[in-house]
Amino acid sequence: MKPLKRLERYLSAIFTLGRVKGLAKDAHRGVQQLHPRVDHLENRAVQIEHDLTAMQRSLDARQSHLEDADGRMHRLFEWTRRHENLAEDLVADYRRESTILKRSGQSDNALLARMFSDLSRRLDAAPKGQGAPKSATPKTTLPSTEGFDLFKDSFYHRLENQFRGAPEEIARRLRVYLPDVEAAWLRSGKLPAMDIGCGRGEWLGLLKSHGIAGFGIDTNAAQIEEAKEAGLDVRLGDALQALADQEDNSLSVITAHHLIEHLPFDAVAWITREAGRVLAPGGLLLFETPNTRNVLVGATTFHTDPTHLKPMPEQVMGVLFETAGFDPVDIRGLNPHERFNEFLGKPDFNDELAFLMFGPQDLAILGTKPKDA
């Protein structure tokens, strides 16, 4: 080979070697730059794997929650299906009775209240779930012994005889209700009357003397015996249960004189609602209770009876009767103090103060079951 040609190859090899070294350096620098990225990707891969594991756990938990929710939805569906017939009946009743009301001019609010009260009773009668109470009747009595019951009955009988007044005086006061009761008795077909907490039977005797058949319920054996001796139809037993046992639309009048202040409000509300079922259309529910708006009653005489639980003021009772569907509802103050007119006539004594101190001592709440009910 010629020297010139050989020199040319040497020079070419040198240049080629220089380019390879340069490329190698560039490649080495590139690899060095890639190391952090590879480390980052490895860390990212570990984080993604961790996130995927957490997501799987979350999905498993969500699946379990969805299964629980599905169970709750199924139970809700069953409850809805069980009561949908009640709702359909309620709508049908409302449409039918709304037409009647439009002809009679009665308030739609009274109809809605009565329909709601009826629906709540139907729900009470619907099948109960496991652990639900077997009866909708409120329980107001405590376990006791026969001897102590007799002792309490004797005490309360003596207390009434001494502080409430003689039977003749009580009967005289109760005469004020006869026009309302006789009217309800006639318009509801002369059905019997029921007196809850009848006591000595003054009211039943007054009804009997005016030709109105009635019966009474009381838990006080001593007072029941006295009423039986007077020839009255009285029964010893729980008044709430006795009311629950009555047939629909079977009574013309239900009365309770000075009873509701002895009961928890739930029991009073239950009696009021149940009366809407038991009374015939046009029938009357009548409660009489101490009027604690009278300062002397609220501060003194109300507490003379240790079995009084709490006052039942007119605001509460009026709304309760309306909620149960009674229409109209009439609230009256009765039996003012014997010195009421004396203080009302004093020119130097404020009339409002006279009412607060010596005004009506009793409160009467009267509710009529509408004729179209």
Protein backbone atom coordinates (compact mmCIF):
# COMPACT_ATOMS: atom_id res chain seq x y z
CA MET A 1 0.00 0.00 0.00
CA LYS A 2 1.28 3.40 -0.82
CA PRO A 3 2.43 5.55 2.09
CA LEU A 4 -0.05 8.28 1.23
CA LYS A 5 -2.98 5.90 1.22
CA ARG A 6 -1.93 4.40 4.54
CA LEU A 7 -1.61 7.88 6.06
CA GLU A 8 -5.11 8.66 4.86
CA ARG A 9 -6.49 5.57 6.63
CA TYR A 10 -4.62 6.41 9.85
CA LEU A 11 -6.06 9.89 9.83
CA SER A 12 -9.56 8.52 9.16
CA ALA A 13 -9.22 6.05 12.03
CA ILE A 14 -8.07 8.82 14.38
CA PHE A 15 -11.02 11.02 13.44
CA THR A 16 -13.41 8.09 13.82
CA LEU A 17 -11.98 7.28 17.24
CA GLY A 18 -12.43 10.90 18.29
CA ARG A 19 -16.10 10.85 17.25
CA VAL A 20 -16.69 7.57 19.12
CA LYS A 21 -15.16 9.00 22.26
CA GLY A 22 -17.32 12.09 21.94
CA LEU A 23 -20.40 9.99 21.44
CA ALA A 24 -19.41 7.85 24.39
CA LYS A 25 -19.04 10.92 26.57
CA ASP A 26 -22.39 12.23 25.43
CA ALA A 27 -23.94 8.83 26.11
CA HIS A 28 -22.38 8.73 29.57
CA ARG A 29 -23.71 12.18 30.37
CA GLY A 30 -27.13 11.10 29.12
CA VAL A 31 -27.07 8.02 31.34
CA GLN A 32 -26.05 10.11 34.33
CA GLN A 33 -28.99 12.43 33.64
CA LEU A 34 -31.38 9.47 33.33
CA HIS A 35 -30.54 8.04 36.78
CA PRO A 36 -32.68 10.59 38.74
CA ARG A 37 -35.56 10.07 36.32
CA VAL A 38 -35.32 6.31 36.68
CA ASP A 39 -35.24 6.65 40.47
CA HIS A 40 -38.26 8.97 40.28
CA LEU A 41 -40.14 6.52 38.08
CA GLU A 42 -39.34 3.69 40.46
CA ASN A 43 -40.63 5.72 43.40
CA ARG A 44 -43.68 6.69 41.36
CA ALA A 45 -44.33 3.05 40.55
CA VAL A 46 -44.16 2.17 44.26
CA GLN A 47 -46.58 5.03 45.06
CA ILE A 48 -48.96 3.93 42.30
CA GLU A 49 -48.88 0.39 43.64
CA HIS A 50 -49.65 1.74 47.14
CA ASP A 51 -52.49 3.89 45.75
CA LEU A 52 -53.95 0.96 43.85
CA THR A 53 -53.91 -1.11 47.05
CA ALA A 54 -55.68 1.70 48.94
CA MET A 55 -58.21 2.08 46.12
CA GLN A 56 -58.94 -1.62 46.24
CA ARG A 57 -59.53 -1.44 49.96
CA SER A 58 -61.79 1.58 49.46
CA LEU A 59 -63.71 -0.25 46.75
CA ASP A 60 -64.13 -3.21 49.05
CA ALA A 61 -65.42 -0.92 51.80
CA ARG A 62 -67.77 0.84 49.37
CA GLN A 63 -69.05 -2.51 48.21
CA SER A 64 -69.80 -3.48 51.80
CA HIS A 65 -71.48 -0.10 52.42
CA LEU A 66 -73.54 -0.51 49.25
CA GLU A 67 -74.64 -3.94 50.39
CA ASP A 68 -75.72 -2.45 53.75
CA ALA A 69 -77.48 0.40 51.96
CA ASP A 70 -79.17 -2.08 49.69
CA GLY A 71 -80.46 -3.90 52.77
CA ARG A 72 -81.77 -0.65 54.23
CA MET A 73 -83.39 0.28 50.94
CA HIS A 74 -85.01 -3.13 50.80
CA ARG A 75 -86.44 -2.70 54.28
CA LEU A 76 -87.66 0.79 53.38
CA PHE A 77 -89.27 -0.59 50.25
CA GLU A 78 -91.01 -3.28 52.28
CA TRP A 79 -92.29 -0.67 54.76
CA THR A 80 -93.51 1.53 51.92
CA ARG A 81 -95.20 -1.38 50.19
CA ARG A 82 -96.84 -2.43 53.44
CA HIS A 83 -98.36 1.03 53.95
CA GLU A 84 -99.11 2.10 50.38
CA ASN A 85 -102.62 0.70 50.64
CA LEU A 86 -103.21 2.89 53.67
CA ALA A 87 -102.04 5.93 51.73
CA GLU A 88 -104.26 5.03 48.77
CA ASP A 89 -107.24 4.63 51.08
CA LEU A 90 -106.45 7.96 52.69
CA VAL A 91 -106.33 9.76 49.33
CA ALA A 92 -109.60 8.15 48.27
CA ASP A 93 -111.22 9.12 51.56
CA TYR A 94 -109.93 12.67 51.24
CA ARG A 95 -111.27 13.08 47.72
CA ARG A 96 -114.64 11.68 48.71
CA GLU A 97 -114.95 13.74 51.88
CA SER A 98 -113.57 16.87 50.25
CA THR A 99 -116.51 16.79 47.86
CA ILE A 100 -118.87 16.53 50.82
CA LEU A 101 -117.11 19.39 52.57
CA LYS A 102 -117.39 21.68 49.58
CA ARG A 103 -121.13 21.17 49.69
CA SER A 104 -121.35 21.70 53.45
CA GLY A 105 -118.84 24.56 53.65
CA GLN A 106 -116.74 22.89 56.33
CA SER A 107 -113.07 23.83 56.68
CA ASP A 108 -110.59 21.79 54.63
CA ASN A 109 -108.17 22.09 57.55
CA ALA A 110 -110.55 20.17 59.79
CA LEU A 111 -110.82 17.43 57.18
CA LEU A 112 -107.06 17.15 56.79
CA ALA A 113 -106.60 17.00 60.56
CA ARG A 114 -109.22 14.30 60.88
CA MET A 115 -107.74 12.30 58.01
CA PHE A 116 -104.28 12.54 59.58
CA SER A 117 -105.66 11.38 62.93
CA ASP A 118 -107.35 8.45 61.21
CA LEU A 119 -104.16 7.52 59.35
CA SER A 120 -102.18 7.56 62.60
CA ARG A 121 -104.68 5.11 64.11
CA ARG A 122 -104.37 2.85 61.06
CA LEU A 123 -100.60 2.87 61.43
CA ASP A 124 -101.04 1.78 65.04
CA ALA A 125 -103.06 -1.19 63.78
CA ALA A 126 -100.54 -2.07 61.05
CA PRO A 127 -98.21 -5.07 61.61
CA LYS A 128 -95.42 -4.17 63.98
CA GLY A 129 -91.76 -5.00 63.53
CA GLN A 130 -89.83 -7.22 65.91
CA GLY A 131 -89.63 -5.67 69.34
CA ALA A 132 -92.51 -3.22 68.73
CA PRO A 133 -95.11 -2.79 71.49
CA LYS A 134 -98.08 -5.14 71.24
CA SER A 135 -100.66 -2.47 72.07
CA ALA A 136 -101.04 1.17 71.15
CA THR A 137 -102.82 1.87 74.43
CA PRO A 138 -100.71 4.11 76.68
CA LYS A 139 -99.71 2.52 79.96
CA THR A 140 -100.27 4.88 82.86
CA THR A 141 -100.37 2.55 85.89
CA LEU A 142 -97.51 1.31 88.03
CA PRO A 143 -97.23 -2.12 89.69
CA SER A 144 -98.79 -2.05 93.17
CA THR A 145 -100.27 -4.27 95.84
CA GLU A 146 -103.96 -4.80 96.52
CA GLY A 147 -103.71 -3.46 100.06
CA PHE A 148 -101.98 -0.24 99.01
CA ASP A 149 -104.48 0.26 96.19
CA LEU A 150 -107.33 0.06 98.70
CA PHE A 151 -105.53 2.56 100.93
CA LYS A 152 -105.09 5.06 98.07
CA ASP A 153 -108.70 4.62 96.94
CA SER A 154 -109.95 5.35 100.45
CA PHE A 155 -107.67 8.41 100.71
CA TYR A 156 -108.80 9.88 97.41
CA HIS A 157 -112.48 9.23 98.21
CA ARG A 158 -112.09 11.14 101.47
CA LEU A 159 -110.17 13.95 99.72
CA GLU A 160 -112.92 14.47 97.12
CA ASN A 161 -115.68 14.38 99.72
CA GLN A 162 -113.89 17.04 101.76
CA PHE A 163 -112.59 19.44 99.09
CA ARG A 164 -114.40 18.95 95.78
CA GLY A 165 -117.88 19.42 97.20
CA ALA A 166 -121.03 17.45 97.90
CA PRO A 167 -122.46 15.36 95.04
CA GLU A 168 -125.49 17.69 94.83
CA GLU A 169 -123.22 20.73 94.39
CA ILE A 170 -121.16 18.98 91.72
CA ALA A 171 -124.32 17.93 89.84
CA ARG A 172 -125.57 21.53 89.96
CA ARG A 173 -122.35 22.77 88.36
CA LEU A 174 -122.45 20.10 85.68
CA ARG A 175 -125.91 21.11 84.48
CA VAL A 176 -124.27 23.76 82.32
CA TYR A 177 -123.25 21.02 79.88
CA LEU A 178 -126.72 19.47 79.42
CA PRO A 179 -127.76 21.54 76.35
CA ASP A 180 -124.56 20.60 74.48
CA VAL A 181 -124.77 16.95 75.48
CA GLU A 182 -128.47 16.58 74.69
CA ALA A 183 -127.92 18.13 71.25
CA ALA A 184 -125.02 15.75 70.51
CA TRP A 185 -127.05 12.79 71.80
CA LEU A 186 -129.93 13.61 69.45
CA ARG A 187 -127.90 14.34 66.32
CA SER A 188 -125.80 11.16 66.73
CA GLY A 189 -128.76 8.80 67.04
CA LYS A 190 -129.24 8.66 70.85
CA LEU A 191 -126.26 6.37 71.33
CA PRO A 192 -124.86 5.81 74.84
CA ALA A 193 -122.54 8.22 76.63
CA MET A 194 -119.26 7.23 78.25
CA ASP A 195 -117.80 9.01 81.27
CA ILE A 196 -114.08 8.40 81.75
CA GLY A 197 -112.99 8.66 85.37
CA CYS A 198 -116.63 8.75 86.54
CA GLY A 199 -115.77 8.93 90.26
CA ARG A 200 -118.88 9.05 92.46
CA GLY A 201 -121.14 9.23 89.40
CA GLU A 202 -122.64 12.74 89.74
CA TRP A 203 -122.53 13.31 85.99
CA LEU A 204 -123.95 9.88 85.11
CA GLY A 205 -126.80 10.45 87.54
CA LEU A 206 -127.57 13.78 85.89
CA LEU A 207 -127.59 12.17 82.44
CA LYS A 208 -129.84 9.37 83.66
CA SER A 209 -132.34 11.86 85.09
CA HIS A 210 -132.58 13.42 81.60
CA GLY A 211 -133.12 10.10 79.83
CA ILE A 212 -129.59 9.73 78.44
CA ALA A 213 -128.15 6.24 78.88
CA GLY A 214 -124.51 6.18 79.87
CA PHE A 215 -121.84 4.18 81.64
CA GLY A 216 -118.73 5.12 83.54
CA ILE A 217 -115.23 3.74 84.06
CA ASP A 218 -112.98 4.38 87.04
CA THR A 219 -110.10 2.70 88.85
CA ASN A 220 -111.23 3.79 92.33
CA ALA A 221 -113.06 0.87 93.92
CA ALA A 222 -114.46 2.94 96.78
CA GLN A 223 -116.08 5.47 94.45
CA ILE A 224 -117.34 2.74 92.13
CA GLU A 225 -119.16 1.09 95.03
CA GLU A 226 -120.80 4.40 95.97
CA ALA A 227 -121.92 4.93 92.35
CA LYS A 228 -123.30 1.39 92.12
CA GLU A 229 -125.34 1.96 95.27
CA ALA A 230 -126.93 4.91 93.45
CA GLY A 231 -128.06 2.52 90.69
CA LEU A 232 -125.60 3.72 88.04
CA ASP A 233 -123.89 1.69 85.32
CA VAL A 234 -120.27 1.96 86.44
CA ARG A 235 -117.39 -0.40 85.89
CA LEU A 236 -114.11 -0.83 87.71
CA GLY A 237 -111.21 -0.87 85.28
CA ASP A 238 -108.72 1.03 83.18
CA ALA A 239 -110.52 3.79 81.30
CA LEU A 240 -108.02 3.86 78.43
CA GLN A 241 -108.45 0.16 77.78
CA ALA A 242 -112.23 0.50 78.06
CA LEU A 243 -112.15 3.24 75.42
CA ALA A 244 -109.95 1.13 73.15
CA ASP A 245 -112.49 -1.71 73.41
CA GLN A 246 -115.39 0.41 72.08
CA GLU A 247 -116.61 -0.07 68.51
CA ASP A 248 -116.24 2.60 65.84
CA ASN A 249 -119.02 5.26 65.84
CA SER A 250 -120.67 3.61 68.85
CA LEU A 251 -121.04 6.51 71.32
CA SER A 252 -122.75 9.88 71.23
CA VAL A 253 -120.79 11.58 74.02
CA ILE A 254 -117.44 10.98 75.75
CA THR A 255 -116.76 13.03 78.86
CA ALA A 256 -113.92 13.32 81.35
CA HIS A 257 -114.41 15.73 84.26
CA HIS A 258 -111.21 16.63 86.08
CA LEU A 259 -109.31 13.66 84.73
CA ILE A 260 -106.81 14.89 82.16
CA GLU A 261 -104.72 16.80 84.71
CA HIS A 262 -104.06 13.42 86.38
CA LEU A 263 -102.60 11.89 83.20
CA PRO A 264 -99.39 12.24 81.18
CA PHE A 265 -99.94 14.28 78.04
CA ASP A 266 -99.42 11.20 75.84
CA ALA A 267 -102.43 9.56 77.50
CA VAL A 268 -104.55 12.71 77.05
CA ALA A 269 -103.57 12.89 73.37
CA TRP A 270 -104.37 9.21 72.91
CA ILE A 271 -107.84 9.60 74.46
CA THR A 272 -108.53 12.61 72.24
CA ARG A 273 -107.50 10.81 69.08
CA GLU A 274 -109.31 7.60 70.02
CA ALA A 275 -112.50 9.55 70.75
CA GLY A 276 -112.52 10.56 67.09
CA ARG A 277 -112.88 6.89 66.20
CA VAL A 278 -115.40 5.88 68.87
CA LEU A 279 -117.77 8.85 68.61
CA ALA A 280 -120.53 8.73 66.01
CA PRO A 281 -120.68 11.65 63.54
CA GLY A 282 -122.09 14.63 65.41
CA GLY A 283 -120.86 13.22 68.73
CA LEU A 284 -119.23 15.32 71.43
CA LEU A 285 -115.95 15.04 73.34
CA LEU A 286 -115.95 17.04 76.58
CA PHE A 287 -113.05 17.61 78.97
CA GLU A 288 -113.23 19.70 82.14
CA THR A 289 -110.02 20.62 83.95
CA PRO A 290 -108.78 23.25 86.44
CA ASN A 291 -108.17 26.63 84.86
CA THR A 292 -104.67 27.44 86.04
CA ARG A 293 -104.81 30.81 84.32
CA ASN A 294 -106.66 31.73 87.50
CA VAL A 295 -103.78 32.63 89.82
CA LEU A 296 -105.47 31.23 92.93
CA VAL A 297 -106.12 27.91 91.18
CA GLY A 298 -102.64 27.67 89.70
CA ALA A 299 -100.90 28.62 92.94
CA THR A 300 -103.07 26.84 95.51
CA THR A 301 -106.10 24.65 94.75
CA PHE A 302 -104.50 22.80 91.83
CA HIS A 303 -101.92 21.42 94.25
CA THR A 304 -104.49 20.34 96.83
CA ASP A 305 -104.79 17.09 94.89
CA PRO A 306 -101.44 15.23 95.04
CA THR A 307 -102.39 13.10 92.04
CA HIS A 308 -102.44 16.12 89.70
CA LEU A 309 -99.50 15.85 87.29
CA LYS A 310 -99.61 19.09 85.32
CA PRO A 311 -102.06 21.71 84.05
CA MET A 312 -103.69 21.28 80.63
CA PRO A 313 -104.09 24.91 79.48
CA GLU A 314 -106.58 26.03 76.85
CA GLN A 315 -103.89 26.74 74.23
CA VAL A 316 -102.65 23.15 74.37
CA MET A 317 -106.09 21.55 74.46
CA GLY A 318 -107.44 23.68 71.63
CA VAL A 319 -104.63 22.66 69.28
CA LEU A 320 -104.94 19.02 70.40
CA PHE A 321 -108.66 18.88 69.56
CA GLU A 322 -108.04 20.52 66.17
CA THR A 323 -105.26 18.05 65.42
CA ALA A 324 -107.65 15.17 66.15
CA GLY A 325 -110.12 16.58 63.61
CA PHE A 326 -112.82 17.97 65.91
CA ASP A 327 -114.72 20.88 64.40
CA PRO A 328 -115.95 23.13 65.89
CA VAL A 329 -113.89 23.31 69.08
CA ASP A 330 -115.34 25.41 71.90
CA ILE A 331 -113.33 26.46 74.97
CA ARG A 332 -115.13 28.01 77.95
CA GLY A 333 -114.16 29.34 81.35
CA LEU A 334 -116.57 28.24 84.10
CA ASN A 335 -117.26 28.57 87.82
CA PRO A 336 -115.67 31.89 88.82
CA HIS A 337 -114.75 32.50 92.43
CA GLU A 338 -117.66 33.55 94.67
CA ARG A 339 -116.06 37.01 95.12
CA PHE A 340 -115.45 37.58 91.40
CA ASN A 341 -118.35 40.02 90.88
CA GLU A 342 -117.44 41.85 94.07
CA PHE A 343 -113.92 42.64 92.85
CA LEU A 344 -115.05 43.19 89.26
CA GLY A 345 -117.39 45.90 90.55
CA LYS A 346 -114.76 47.73 92.60
CA PRO A 347 -113.87 50.98 90.79
CA ASP A 348 -110.36 50.95 92.25
CA PHE A 349 -109.67 47.30 91.29
CA ASN A 350 -108.36 46.44 87.80
CA ASP A 351 -110.75 44.24 85.79
CA GLU A 352 -107.95 42.14 84.32
CA LEU A 353 -106.56 41.52 87.79
CA ALA A 354 -110.03 40.53 88.96
CA PHE A 355 -110.18 37.91 86.18
CA LEU A 356 -106.69 36.63 86.97
CA MET A 357 -107.40 36.32 90.69
CA PHE A 358 -111.10 35.47 90.88
CA GLY A 359 -112.16 34.55 87.34
CA PRO A 360 -113.20 31.13 85.99
CA GLN A 361 -111.76 28.31 88.08
CA ASP A 362 -112.57 25.55 85.59
CA LEU A 363 -111.88 25.15 81.91
CA ALA A 364 -114.17 23.24 79.52
CA ILE A 365 -113.04 21.99 76.10
CA LEU A 366 -115.81 20.73 73.80
CA GLY A 367 -115.13 19.21 70.38
CA THR A 368 -117.69 17.96 67.88
CA LYS A 369 -117.01 15.13 65.45
CA PRO A 370 -118.19 16.46 62.07
CA LYS A 371 -121.36 14.89 60.68
CA ASP A 372 -119.65 13.80 57.44
CA ALA A 373 -116.86 11.97 59.29
